[in-house]
Full PDB file with SEQRES, HELIX, SHEET, SSBOND, CRYST1, ORIGX, SCALE, CONECT and MASTER records, all heavy atoms in Angstrom:
SEQRES   1 A   30  GLN LYS PHE GLY LEU ARG LYS ARG ALA VAL LEU SER ASP          
SEQRES   2 A   30  VAL ILE SER ARG VAL ILE GLU TYR ILE ASN GLY VAL LYS          
SEQRES   3 A   30  VAL PHE LYS ALA                                              
HELIX    1 AA1 LYS A    2  ASN A   23  1                                  22    
HELIX    2 AA2 VAL A   25  LYS A   29  1                                   5    
CRYST1    1.000    1.000    1.000  90.00  90.00  90.00 P 1           1          
ORIGX1      1.000000  0.000000  0.000000        0.00000                         
ORIGX2      0.000000  1.000000  0.000000        0.00000                         
ORIGX3      0.000000  0.000000  1.000000        0.00000                         
SCALE1      1.000000  0.000000  0.000000        0.00000                         
SCALE2      0.000000  1.000000  0.000000        0.00000                         
SCALE3      0.000000  0.000000  1.000000        0.00000                         
ATOM      1  N   GLN A   1      -5.462  19.238  -9.215  1.00  0.00           N  
ATOM      2  CA  GLN A   1      -5.710  18.036 -10.001  1.00  0.00           C  
ATOM      3  C   GLN A   1      -4.407  17.282 -10.276  1.00  0.00           C  
ATOM      4  O   GLN A   1      -4.372  16.045 -10.184  1.00  0.00           O  
ATOM      5  CB  GLN A   1      -6.387  18.393 -11.319  1.00  0.00           C  
ATOM      6  CG  GLN A   1      -6.934  17.190 -12.065  1.00  0.00           C  
ATOM      7  CD  GLN A   1      -7.960  17.591 -13.112  1.00  0.00           C  
ATOM      8  OE1 GLN A   1      -8.324  18.748 -13.236  1.00  0.00           O  
ATOM      9  NE2 GLN A   1      -8.442  16.620 -13.858  1.00  0.00           N  
ATOM     10  N   LYS A   2      -3.347  18.022 -10.580  1.00  0.00           N  
ATOM     11  CA  LYS A   2      -2.059  17.399 -10.870  1.00  0.00           C  
ATOM     12  C   LYS A   2      -1.542  16.610  -9.669  1.00  0.00           C  
ATOM     13  O   LYS A   2      -1.189  15.430  -9.778  1.00  0.00           O  
ATOM     14  CB  LYS A   2      -1.045  18.478 -11.271  1.00  0.00           C  
ATOM     15  CG  LYS A   2       0.378  17.949 -11.463  1.00  0.00           C  
ATOM     16  CD  LYS A   2       1.339  19.091 -11.751  1.00  0.00           C  
ATOM     17  CE  LYS A   2       2.773  18.582 -11.815  1.00  0.00           C  
ATOM     18  NZ  LYS A   2       3.743  19.696 -12.063  1.00  0.00           N  
ATOM     19  N   PHE A   3      -1.486  17.276  -8.518  1.00  0.00           N  
ATOM     20  CA  PHE A   3      -0.975  16.607  -7.325  1.00  0.00           C  
ATOM     21  C   PHE A   3      -1.996  15.617  -6.759  1.00  0.00           C  
ATOM     22  O   PHE A   3      -1.621  14.672  -6.060  1.00  0.00           O  
ATOM     23  CB  PHE A   3      -0.562  17.636  -6.273  1.00  0.00           C  
ATOM     24  CG  PHE A   3       0.733  18.325  -6.594  1.00  0.00           C  
ATOM     25  CD1 PHE A   3       0.743  19.527  -7.277  1.00  0.00           C  
ATOM     26  CD2 PHE A   3       1.944  17.756  -6.252  1.00  0.00           C  
ATOM     27  CE1 PHE A   3       1.931  20.162  -7.592  1.00  0.00           C  
ATOM     28  CE2 PHE A   3       3.144  18.377  -6.565  1.00  0.00           C  
ATOM     29  CZ  PHE A   3       3.148  19.588  -7.238  1.00  0.00           C  
ATOM     30  N   GLY A   4      -3.270  15.854  -7.065  1.00  0.00           N  
ATOM     31  CA  GLY A   4      -4.291  14.901  -6.656  1.00  0.00           C  
ATOM     32  C   GLY A   4      -4.123  13.564  -7.349  1.00  0.00           C  
ATOM     33  O   GLY A   4      -4.312  12.499  -6.742  1.00  0.00           O  
ATOM     34  N   LEU A   5      -3.737  13.589  -8.631  1.00  0.00           N  
ATOM     35  CA  LEU A   5      -3.474  12.359  -9.367  1.00  0.00           C  
ATOM     36  C   LEU A   5      -2.309  11.594  -8.751  1.00  0.00           C  
ATOM     37  O   LEU A   5      -2.354  10.373  -8.591  1.00  0.00           O  
ATOM     38  CB  LEU A   5      -3.167  12.681 -10.834  1.00  0.00           C  
ATOM     39  CG  LEU A   5      -4.358  12.952 -11.748  1.00  0.00           C  
ATOM     40  CD1 LEU A   5      -3.896  13.502 -13.085  1.00  0.00           C  
ATOM     41  CD2 LEU A   5      -5.166  11.675 -11.952  1.00  0.00           C  
ATOM     42  N   ARG A   6      -1.258  12.337  -8.401  1.00  0.00           N  
ATOM     43  CA  ARG A   6      -0.090  11.705  -7.773  1.00  0.00           C  
ATOM     44  C   ARG A   6      -0.459  11.117  -6.420  1.00  0.00           C  
ATOM     45  O   ARG A   6      -0.037  10.010  -6.067  1.00  0.00           O  
ATOM     46  CB  ARG A   6       1.035  12.730  -7.630  1.00  0.00           C  
ATOM     47  CG  ARG A   6       1.692  13.066  -8.952  1.00  0.00           C  
ATOM     48  CD  ARG A   6       2.638  14.237  -8.891  1.00  0.00           C  
ATOM     49  NE  ARG A   6       3.570  14.176  -7.772  1.00  0.00           N  
ATOM     50  CZ  ARG A   6       4.562  15.060  -7.601  1.00  0.00           C  
ATOM     51  NH1 ARG A   6       4.719  16.051  -8.478  1.00  0.00           N  
ATOM     52  NH2 ARG A   6       5.373  14.962  -6.574  1.00  0.00           N  
ATOM     53  N   LYS A   7      -1.266  11.846  -5.668  1.00  0.00           N  
ATOM     54  CA  LYS A   7      -1.676  11.359  -4.345  1.00  0.00           C  
ATOM     55  C   LYS A   7      -2.524  10.098  -4.480  1.00  0.00           C  
ATOM     56  O   LYS A   7      -2.396   9.162  -3.677  1.00  0.00           O  
ATOM     57  CB  LYS A   7      -2.447  12.451  -3.601  1.00  0.00           C  
ATOM     58  CG  LYS A   7      -2.819  12.074  -2.178  1.00  0.00           C  
ATOM     59  CD  LYS A   7      -3.571  13.198  -1.484  1.00  0.00           C  
ATOM     60  CE  LYS A   7      -4.002  12.791  -0.076  1.00  0.00           C  
ATOM     61  NZ  LYS A   7      -4.766  13.862   0.604  1.00  0.00           N  
ATOM     62  N   ARG A   8      -3.392  10.058  -5.488  1.00  0.00           N  
ATOM     63  CA  ARG A   8      -4.224   8.880  -5.712  1.00  0.00           C  
ATOM     64  C   ARG A   8      -3.363   7.650  -5.982  1.00  0.00           C  
ATOM     65  O   ARG A   8      -3.621   6.564  -5.440  1.00  0.00           O  
ATOM     66  CB  ARG A   8      -5.136   9.099  -6.916  1.00  0.00           C  
ATOM     67  CG  ARG A   8      -6.423   9.823  -6.625  1.00  0.00           C  
ATOM     68  CD  ARG A   8      -7.234   9.924  -7.902  1.00  0.00           C  
ATOM     69  NE  ARG A   8      -7.261   8.645  -8.578  1.00  0.00           N  
ATOM     70  CZ  ARG A   8      -8.078   7.647  -8.255  1.00  0.00           C  
ATOM     71  NH1 ARG A   8      -8.938   7.808  -7.283  1.00  0.00           N  
ATOM     72  NH2 ARG A   8      -8.034   6.507  -8.906  1.00  0.00           N  
ATOM     73  N   ALA A   9      -2.358   7.822  -6.833  1.00  0.00           N  
ATOM     74  CA  ALA A   9      -1.479   6.697  -7.165  1.00  0.00           C  
ATOM     75  C   ALA A   9      -0.754   6.183  -5.926  1.00  0.00           C  
ATOM     76  O   ALA A   9      -0.632   4.969  -5.714  1.00  0.00           O  
ATOM     77  CB  ALA A   9      -0.478   7.118  -8.242  1.00  0.00           C  
ATOM     78  N   VAL A  10      -0.276   7.110  -5.111  1.00  0.00           N  
ATOM     79  CA  VAL A  10       0.436   6.729  -3.890  1.00  0.00           C  
ATOM     80  C   VAL A  10      -0.516   6.059  -2.908  1.00  0.00           C  
ATOM     81  O   VAL A  10      -0.153   5.082  -2.242  1.00  0.00           O  
ATOM     82  CB  VAL A  10       1.107   7.964  -3.237  1.00  0.00           C  
ATOM     83  CG1 VAL A  10       1.706   7.607  -1.885  1.00  0.00           C  
ATOM     84  CG2 VAL A  10       2.199   8.506  -4.154  1.00  0.00           C  
ATOM     85  N   LEU A  11      -1.755   6.563  -2.816  1.00  0.00           N  
ATOM     86  CA  LEU A  11      -2.738   5.967  -1.914  1.00  0.00           C  
ATOM     87  C   LEU A  11      -3.046   4.527  -2.314  1.00  0.00           C  
ATOM     88  O   LEU A  11      -3.177   3.645  -1.456  1.00  0.00           O  
ATOM     89  CB  LEU A  11      -4.023   6.800  -1.905  1.00  0.00           C  
ATOM     90  CG  LEU A  11      -5.162   6.290  -1.008  1.00  0.00           C  
ATOM     91  CD1 LEU A  11      -4.704   6.191   0.442  1.00  0.00           C  
ATOM     92  CD2 LEU A  11      -6.381   7.202  -1.120  1.00  0.00           C  
ATOM     93  N   SER A  12      -3.165   4.276  -3.620  1.00  0.00           N  
ATOM     94  CA  SER A  12      -3.394   2.906  -4.095  1.00  0.00           C  
ATOM     95  C   SER A  12      -2.253   1.999  -3.668  1.00  0.00           C  
ATOM     96  O   SER A  12      -2.465   0.856  -3.251  1.00  0.00           O  
ATOM     97  CB  SER A  12      -3.532   2.887  -5.622  1.00  0.00           C  
ATOM     98  OG  SER A  12      -4.680   3.585  -6.035  1.00  0.00           O  
ATOM     99  N   ASP A  13      -1.027   2.526  -3.774  1.00  0.00           N  
ATOM    100  CA  ASP A  13       0.145   1.743  -3.366  1.00  0.00           C  
ATOM    101  C   ASP A  13       0.128   1.483  -1.863  1.00  0.00           C  
ATOM    102  O   ASP A  13       0.473   0.394  -1.411  1.00  0.00           O  
ATOM    103  CB  ASP A  13       1.427   2.489  -3.760  1.00  0.00           C  
ATOM    104  CG  ASP A  13       2.677   1.674  -3.464  1.00  0.00           C  
ATOM    105  OD1 ASP A  13       2.828   0.592  -4.071  1.00  0.00           O  
ATOM    106  OD2 ASP A  13       3.484   2.119  -2.621  1.00  0.00           O  
ATOM    107  N   VAL A  14      -0.278   2.476  -1.075  1.00  0.00           N  
ATOM    108  CA  VAL A  14      -0.364   2.302   0.381  1.00  0.00           C  
ATOM    109  C   VAL A  14      -1.344   1.180   0.720  1.00  0.00           C  
ATOM    110  O   VAL A  14      -1.041   0.303   1.542  1.00  0.00           O  
ATOM    111  CB  VAL A  14      -0.801   3.620   1.071  1.00  0.00           C  
ATOM    112  CG1 VAL A  14      -1.173   3.358   2.531  1.00  0.00           C  
ATOM    113  CG2 VAL A  14       0.316   4.650   1.012  1.00  0.00           C  
ATOM    114  N   ILE A  15      -2.519   1.202   0.091  1.00  0.00           N  
ATOM    115  CA  ILE A  15      -3.526   0.165   0.366  1.00  0.00           C  
ATOM    116  C   ILE A  15      -2.992  -1.208  -0.013  1.00  0.00           C  
ATOM    117  O   ILE A  15      -3.157  -2.186   0.732  1.00  0.00           O  
ATOM    118  CB  ILE A  15      -4.828   0.472  -0.400  1.00  0.00           C  
ATOM    119  CG1 ILE A  15      -5.454   1.781   0.103  1.00  0.00           C  
ATOM    120  CG2 ILE A  15      -5.824  -0.671  -0.239  1.00  0.00           C  
ATOM    121  CD1 ILE A  15      -6.623   2.257  -0.714  1.00  0.00           C  
ATOM    122  N   SER A  16      -2.313  -1.296  -1.166  1.00  0.00           N  
ATOM    123  CA  SER A  16      -1.738  -2.575  -1.599  1.00  0.00           C  
ATOM    124  C   SER A  16      -0.703  -3.080  -0.599  1.00  0.00           C  
ATOM    125  O   SER A  16      -0.662  -4.266  -0.257  1.00  0.00           O  
ATOM    126  CB  SER A  16      -1.089  -2.430  -2.981  1.00  0.00           C  
ATOM    127  OG  SER A  16      -2.051  -2.173  -3.972  1.00  0.00           O  
ATOM    128  N   ARG A  17       0.149  -2.161  -0.113  1.00  0.00           N  
ATOM    129  CA  ARG A  17       1.201  -2.555   0.837  1.00  0.00           C  
ATOM    130  C   ARG A  17       0.602  -2.990   2.170  1.00  0.00           C  
ATOM    131  O   ARG A  17       1.092  -3.917   2.806  1.00  0.00           O  
ATOM    132  CB  ARG A  17       2.177  -1.403   1.050  1.00  0.00           C  
ATOM    133  CG  ARG A  17       2.947  -0.932  -0.176  1.00  0.00           C  
ATOM    134  CD  ARG A  17       4.015  -1.923  -0.636  1.00  0.00           C  
ATOM    135  NE  ARG A  17       3.451  -3.050  -1.353  1.00  0.00           N  
ATOM    136  CZ  ARG A  17       3.029  -3.021  -2.622  1.00  0.00           C  
ATOM    137  NH1 ARG A  17       3.104  -1.887  -3.309  1.00  0.00           N  
ATOM    138  NH2 ARG A  17       2.544  -4.080  -3.192  1.00  0.00           N  
ATOM    139  N   VAL A  18      -0.455  -2.311   2.601  1.00  0.00           N  
ATOM    140  CA  VAL A  18      -1.106  -2.687   3.867  1.00  0.00           C  
ATOM    141  C   VAL A  18      -1.710  -4.085   3.754  1.00  0.00           C  
ATOM    142  O   VAL A  18      -1.534  -4.922   4.650  1.00  0.00           O  
ATOM    143  CB  VAL A  18      -2.196  -1.658   4.254  1.00  0.00           C  
ATOM    144  CG1 VAL A  18      -3.031  -2.188   5.419  1.00  0.00           C  
ATOM    145  CG2 VAL A  18      -1.563  -0.326   4.639  1.00  0.00           C  
ATOM    146  N   ILE A  19      -2.420  -4.342   2.643  1.00  0.00           N  
ATOM    147  CA  ILE A  19      -3.005  -5.670   2.432  1.00  0.00           C  
ATOM    148  C   ILE A  19      -1.907  -6.718   2.333  1.00  0.00           C  
ATOM    149  O   ILE A  19      -2.017  -7.821   2.893  1.00  0.00           O  
ATOM    150  CB  ILE A  19      -3.889  -5.660   1.172  1.00  0.00           C  
ATOM    151  CG1 ILE A  19      -5.101  -4.745   1.384  1.00  0.00           C  
ATOM    152  CG2 ILE A  19      -4.354  -7.074   0.822  1.00  0.00           C  
ATOM    153  CD1 ILE A  19      -5.939  -4.535   0.149  1.00  0.00           C  
ATOM    154  N   GLU A  20      -0.847  -6.387   1.631  1.00  0.00           N  
ATOM    155  CA  GLU A  20       0.298  -7.293   1.494  1.00  0.00           C  
ATOM    156  C   GLU A  20       0.888  -7.612   2.861  1.00  0.00           C  
ATOM    157  O   GLU A  20       1.207  -8.768   3.168  1.00  0.00           O  
ATOM    158  CB  GLU A  20       1.349  -6.637   0.600  1.00  0.00           C  
ATOM    159  CG  GLU A  20       2.629  -7.437   0.420  1.00  0.00           C  
ATOM    160  CD  GLU A  20       3.644  -6.673  -0.409  1.00  0.00           C  
ATOM    161  OE1 GLU A  20       4.131  -5.623   0.073  1.00  0.00           O  
ATOM    162  OE2 GLU A  20       3.948  -7.126  -1.521  1.00  0.00           O  
ATOM    163  N   TYR A  21       1.009  -6.592   3.700  1.00  0.00           N  
ATOM    164  CA  TYR A  21       1.596  -6.763   5.033  1.00  0.00           C  
ATOM    165  C   TYR A  21       0.708  -7.657   5.899  1.00  0.00           C  
ATOM    166  O   TYR A  21       1.198  -8.559   6.596  1.00  0.00           O  
ATOM    167  CB  TYR A  21       1.775  -5.395   5.691  1.00  0.00           C  
ATOM    168  CG  TYR A  21       2.495  -5.432   7.027  1.00  0.00           C  
ATOM    169  CD1 TYR A  21       3.883  -5.583   7.078  1.00  0.00           C  
ATOM    170  CD2 TYR A  21       1.794  -5.314   8.218  1.00  0.00           C  
ATOM    171  CE1 TYR A  21       4.544  -5.603   8.285  1.00  0.00           C  
ATOM    172  CE2 TYR A  21       2.449  -5.333   9.436  1.00  0.00           C  
ATOM    173  CZ  TYR A  21       3.826  -5.483   9.471  1.00  0.00           C  
ATOM    174  OH  TYR A  21       4.479  -5.519  10.672  1.00  0.00           O  
ATOM    175  N   ILE A  22      -0.605  -7.431   5.852  1.00  0.00           N  
ATOM    176  CA  ILE A  22      -1.539  -8.228   6.666  1.00  0.00           C  
ATOM    177  C   ILE A  22      -1.539  -9.679   6.205  1.00  0.00           C  
ATOM    178  O   ILE A  22      -1.466 -10.610   7.026  1.00  0.00           O  
ATOM    179  CB  ILE A  22      -2.966  -7.635   6.581  1.00  0.00           C  
ATOM    180  CG1 ILE A  22      -3.002  -6.258   7.260  1.00  0.00           C  
ATOM    181  CG2 ILE A  22      -3.975  -8.572   7.241  1.00  0.00           C  
ATOM    182  CD1 ILE A  22      -4.291  -5.500   7.039  1.00  0.00           C  
ATOM    183  N   ASN A  23      -1.604  -9.897   4.877  1.00  0.00           N  
ATOM    184  CA  ASN A  23      -1.660 -11.263   4.357  1.00  0.00           C  
ATOM    185  C   ASN A  23      -0.363 -12.027   4.589  1.00  0.00           C  
ATOM    186  O   ASN A  23      -0.378 -13.244   4.764  1.00  0.00           O  
ATOM    187  CB  ASN A  23      -1.978 -11.248   2.856  1.00  0.00           C  
ATOM    188  CG  ASN A  23      -3.410 -10.832   2.573  1.00  0.00           C  
ATOM    189  OD1 ASN A  23      -4.272 -10.924   3.442  1.00  0.00           O  
ATOM    190  ND2 ASN A  23      -3.680 -10.373   1.368  1.00  0.00           N  
ATOM    191  N   GLY A  24       0.758 -11.315   4.586  1.00  0.00           N  
ATOM    192  CA  GLY A  24       2.054 -11.994   4.711  1.00  0.00           C  
ATOM    193  C   GLY A  24       2.721 -11.806   6.051  1.00  0.00           C  
ATOM    194  O   GLY A  24       3.929 -11.997   6.174  1.00  0.00           O  
ATOM    195  N   VAL A  25       1.934 -11.446   7.082  1.00  0.00           N  
ATOM    196  CA  VAL A  25       2.542 -11.095   8.373  1.00  0.00           C  
ATOM    197  C   VAL A  25       3.325 -12.262   8.970  1.00  0.00           C  
ATOM    198  O   VAL A  25       4.355 -12.048   9.629  1.00  0.00           O  
ATOM    199  CB  VAL A  25       1.457 -10.584   9.353  1.00  0.00           C  
ATOM    200  CG1 VAL A  25       0.506 -11.697   9.757  1.00  0.00           C  
ATOM    201  CG2 VAL A  25       2.089  -9.928  10.574  1.00  0.00           C  
ATOM    202  N   LYS A  26       2.884 -13.505   8.733  1.00  0.00           N  
ATOM    203  CA  LYS A  26       3.623 -14.647   9.279  1.00  0.00           C  
ATOM    204  C   LYS A  26       5.015 -14.746   8.661  1.00  0.00           C  
ATOM    205  O   LYS A  26       6.000 -15.016   9.362  1.00  0.00           O  
ATOM    206  CB  LYS A  26       2.837 -15.934   9.030  1.00  0.00           C  
ATOM    207  CG  LYS A  26       1.598 -16.082   9.918  1.00  0.00           C  
ATOM    208  CD  LYS A  26       1.022 -17.476   9.845  1.00  0.00           C  
ATOM    209  CE  LYS A  26       0.406 -17.756   8.498  1.00  0.00           C  
ATOM    210  NZ  LYS A  26      -0.305 -19.060   8.457  1.00  0.00           N  
ATOM    211  N   VAL A  27       5.087 -14.527   7.359  1.00  0.00           N  
ATOM    212  CA  VAL A  27       6.389 -14.563   6.677  1.00  0.00           C  
ATOM    213  C   VAL A  27       7.284 -13.433   7.168  1.00  0.00           C  
ATOM    214  O   VAL A  27       8.474 -13.634   7.452  1.00  0.00           O  
ATOM    215  CB  VAL A  27       6.201 -14.462   5.146  1.00  0.00           C  
ATOM    216  CG1 VAL A  27       7.548 -14.387   4.438  1.00  0.00           C  
ATOM    217  CG2 VAL A  27       5.400 -15.648   4.644  1.00  0.00           C  
ATOM    218  N   PHE A  28       6.698 -12.232   7.298  1.00  0.00           N  
ATOM    219  CA  PHE A  28       7.496 -11.087   7.733  1.00  0.00           C  
ATOM    220  C   PHE A  28       7.999 -11.255   9.163  1.00  0.00           C  
ATOM    221  O   PHE A  28       9.106 -10.854   9.500  1.00  0.00           O  
ATOM    222  CB  PHE A  28       6.680  -9.793   7.600  1.00  0.00           C  
ATOM    223  CG  PHE A  28       6.174  -9.551   6.206  1.00  0.00           C  
ATOM    224  CD1 PHE A  28       4.872  -9.135   5.975  1.00  0.00           C  
ATOM    225  CD2 PHE A  28       6.989  -9.764   5.114  1.00  0.00           C  
ATOM    226  CE1 PHE A  28       4.401  -8.932   4.692  1.00  0.00           C  
ATOM    227  CE2 PHE A  28       6.533  -9.552   3.822  1.00  0.00           C  
ATOM    228  CZ  PHE A  28       5.239  -9.144   3.608  1.00  0.00           C  
ATOM    229  N   LYS A  29       7.169 -11.872  10.020  1.00  0.00           N  
ATOM    230  CA  LYS A  29       7.599 -12.149  11.384  1.00  0.00           C  
ATOM    231  C   LYS A  29       8.764 -13.131  11.388  1.00  0.00           C  
ATOM    232  O   LYS A  29       9.743 -12.969  12.122  1.00  0.00           O  
ATOM    233  CB  LYS A  29       6.427 -12.716  12.202  1.00  0.00           C  
ATOM    234  CG  LYS A  29       5.520 -11.676  12.837  1.00  0.00           C  
ATOM    235  CD  LYS A  29       4.428 -12.361  13.636  1.00  0.00           C  
ATOM    236  CE  LYS A  29       3.640 -11.343  14.454  1.00  0.00           C  
ATOM    237  NZ  LYS A  29       4.448 -10.809  15.569  1.00  0.00           N  
ATOM    238  N   ALA A  30       8.633 -14.155  10.536  1.00  0.00           N  
ATOM    239  CA  ALA A  30       9.670 -15.185  10.487  1.00  0.00           C  
ATOM    240  C   ALA A  30      11.022 -14.617  10.074  1.00  0.00           C  
ATOM    241  O   ALA A  30      12.076 -15.095  10.507  1.00  0.00           O  
ATOM    242  CB  ALA A  30       9.247 -16.305   9.533  1.00  0.00           C  
TER     243      ALA A  30                                                      
MASTER        0    0    0    2    0    0    0    6  242    1    0    3          
END                                                                             
């Protein structure tokens, strides 16, 4: 449960970063 909570938080961050990367791919390419 302890490490599961930490993994959940990191997973949320991963999803946010992936969405951020997809939405801003033109800027990142530039």
